Amino acid sequence: MVYGEFITVDTKGFSDIIDITSDVGKVIRESGIKNGIANIFVTGSTASVSTIEFEPALVEDYKEQINRLIPDDLRTRHSETWGDDNGFSHIRATLMGPGIVVPFSDGELVLGTWQQIVVIDHDNRHRKRKIFVQCVGE
């Protein structure tokens, strides 16, 4: 069986991290599928989906380190071509990836105790992000 549904979240940009674990769990419950996998994919080329221990200090550590690796003010040909100054966000999103697959068993996500599913918006402005959750299983 296959079931899919969109989750929508408002973000602030600049590597804003939003915990969507409970939203994904809700989609799984609504699917009626007990055992399977959840494909979690964010649409757009300047955001990512990942897992993290979603606690304030680690969230700030992540933002600090991603900005150290790929600074917000990075000069890119993309930004020069389009004038939108968000080339850095495309690079961050490409390295992080747009989606992940998480198993679920007996209708519950199989995650570690301190592991949450997050969407990370790397763009240089606030956005309304659409994340597609597709459950496959029985």
Protein backbone atom coordinates (compact mmCIF):
# COMPACT_ATOMS: atom_id res chain seq x y z
CA MET A 1 0.00 0.00 0.00
CA VAL A 2 1.12 3.57 -0.74
CA TYR A 3 -0.17 6.75 0.90
CA GLY A 4 1.08 10.33 0.53
CA GLU A 5 0.33 13.69 2.06
CA PHE A 6 1.91 17.16 2.19
CA ILE A 7 3.02 18.88 5.38
CA THR A 8 3.37 22.68 5.21
CA VAL A 9 5.59 24.73 7.54
CA ASP A 10 6.45 28.42 7.75
CA THR A 11 10.17 29.11 8.08
CA LYS A 12 12.43 32.09 8.72
CA GLY A 13 15.21 31.12 6.29
CA PHE A 14 18.94 31.29 7.05
CA SER A 15 19.12 27.62 8.12
CA ASP A 16 15.97 27.77 10.23
CA ILE A 17 15.36 24.26 11.59
CA ILE A 18 11.80 23.02 12.14
CA ASP A 19 10.99 19.75 13.95
CA ILE A 20 8.43 17.84 11.84
CA THR A 21 8.64 14.50 13.67
CA SER A 22 5.10 14.66 15.07
CA ASP A 23 3.73 15.79 11.69
CA VAL A 24 5.34 12.79 9.98
CA GLY A 25 3.97 10.49 12.70
CA LYS A 26 0.49 11.90 12.10
CA VAL A 27 0.72 11.13 8.37
CA ILE A 28 1.78 7.56 9.18
CA ARG A 29 -1.20 7.11 11.51
CA GLU A 30 -3.58 8.57 8.91
CA SER A 31 -2.17 6.23 6.25
CA GLY A 32 -3.42 3.13 8.07
CA ILE A 33 -0.14 1.42 7.20
CA LYS A 34 1.40 -0.37 10.19
CA ASN A 35 4.86 -1.39 8.94
CA GLY A 36 6.90 0.23 6.21
CA ILE A 37 8.98 3.24 5.29
CA ALA A 38 8.26 6.95 5.16
CA ASN A 39 9.89 8.89 2.34
CA ILE A 40 10.14 12.51 3.49
CA PHE A 41 10.96 15.02 0.72
CA VAL A 42 10.97 18.83 0.73
CA THR A 43 10.08 20.55 -2.54
CA GLY A 44 12.34 23.38 -3.70
CA SER A 45 16.08 23.68 -4.18
CA THR A 46 17.02 25.67 -1.07
CA ALA A 47 15.83 23.40 1.74
CA SER A 48 16.78 20.02 3.23
CA VAL A 49 15.34 17.21 5.32
CA SER A 50 17.51 15.49 7.92
CA THR A 51 17.57 14.19 11.48
CA ILE A 52 19.13 15.88 14.50
CA GLU A 53 18.82 16.00 18.25
CA PHE A 54 16.47 18.97 18.22
CA GLU A 55 17.68 20.97 21.21
CA PRO A 56 18.56 24.69 21.22
CA ALA A 57 22.33 24.41 21.75
CA LEU A 58 22.82 21.85 18.97
CA VAL A 59 20.56 23.81 16.61
CA GLU A 60 22.76 26.88 17.18
CA ASP A 61 25.93 24.77 16.77
CA TYR A 62 24.60 23.51 13.42
CA LYS A 63 23.81 27.02 12.19
CA GLU A 64 27.23 28.28 13.27
CA GLN A 65 29.10 25.43 11.55
CA ILE A 66 27.08 25.43 8.31
CA ASN A 67 27.68 29.19 8.08
CA ARG A 68 31.39 28.60 8.68
CA LEU A 69 31.51 26.03 5.86
CA ILE A 70 29.23 27.91 3.46
CA PRO A 71 28.85 31.55 4.57
CA ASP A 72 25.66 33.53 3.99
CA ASP A 73 27.73 36.14 2.14
CA LEU A 74 29.45 33.60 -0.15
CA ARG A 75 29.88 35.08 -3.63
CA THR A 76 28.39 32.71 -6.19
CA ARG A 77 27.84 32.83 -9.93
CA HIS A 78 24.22 31.92 -9.27
CA SER A 79 23.70 35.07 -7.20
CA GLU A 80 25.52 37.21 -9.78
CA THR A 81 23.38 35.75 -12.58
CA TRP A 82 20.00 35.99 -10.87
CA GLY A 83 20.62 38.84 -8.39
CA ASP A 84 18.86 36.98 -5.58
CA ASP A 85 21.90 36.57 -3.29
CA ASN A 86 20.92 33.01 -2.33
CA GLY A 87 23.54 30.93 -4.12
CA PHE A 88 24.82 29.81 -0.72
CA SER A 89 21.41 28.33 0.10
CA HIS A 90 21.40 26.16 -3.02
CA ILE A 91 24.86 24.81 -2.15
CA ARG A 92 23.85 24.02 1.45
CA ALA A 93 20.67 22.27 0.30
CA THR A 94 22.56 20.25 -2.31
CA LEU A 95 25.05 18.99 0.27
CA MET A 96 22.35 18.14 2.83
CA GLY A 97 19.87 16.62 0.38
CA PRO A 98 16.12 17.11 -0.07
CA GLY A 99 14.90 13.95 1.61
CA ILE A 100 15.35 10.96 3.89
CA VAL A 101 13.73 7.56 4.39
CA VAL A 102 12.70 6.52 7.90
CA PRO A 103 11.24 3.10 8.77
CA PHE A 104 8.17 2.67 10.94
CA SER A 105 6.91 -0.37 12.83
CA ASP A 106 3.50 -0.89 14.43
CA GLY A 107 2.61 2.61 13.21
CA GLU A 108 5.52 4.29 15.05
CA LEU A 109 8.65 5.89 13.61
CA VAL A 110 11.86 3.95 14.28
CA LEU A 111 14.06 6.75 15.63
CA GLY A 112 16.62 7.03 18.39
CA THR A 113 15.61 8.57 21.72
CA TRP A 114 17.14 11.95 20.86
CA GLN A 115 16.57 11.83 17.09
CA GLN A 116 14.03 14.08 15.42
CA ILE A 117 13.11 14.65 11.78
CA VAL A 118 13.70 18.23 10.69
CA VAL A 119 13.32 20.46 7.67
CA ILE A 120 16.08 23.04 7.27
CA ASP A 121 15.38 26.16 5.22
CA HIS A 122 18.65 27.51 3.86
CA ASP A 123 17.16 30.36 1.82
CA ASN A 124 17.79 34.03 2.62
CA ARG A 125 14.14 34.82 3.40
CA HIS A 126 11.12 33.32 5.08
CA ARG A 127 9.23 30.69 3.10
CA LYS A 128 6.23 28.41 3.26
CA ARG A 129 7.76 24.96 2.72
CA LYS A 130 5.92 21.92 1.42
CA ILE A 131 7.20 18.53 2.55
CA PHE A 132 5.77 15.41 0.92
CA VAL A 133 5.52 12.35 3.14
CA GLN A 134 4.95 9.09 1.27
CA CYS A 135 4.32 5.94 3.29
CA VAL A 136 4.96 2.58 1.67
CA GLY A 137 4.20 -0.67 3.44
CA GLU A 138 1.48 -2.97 4.70
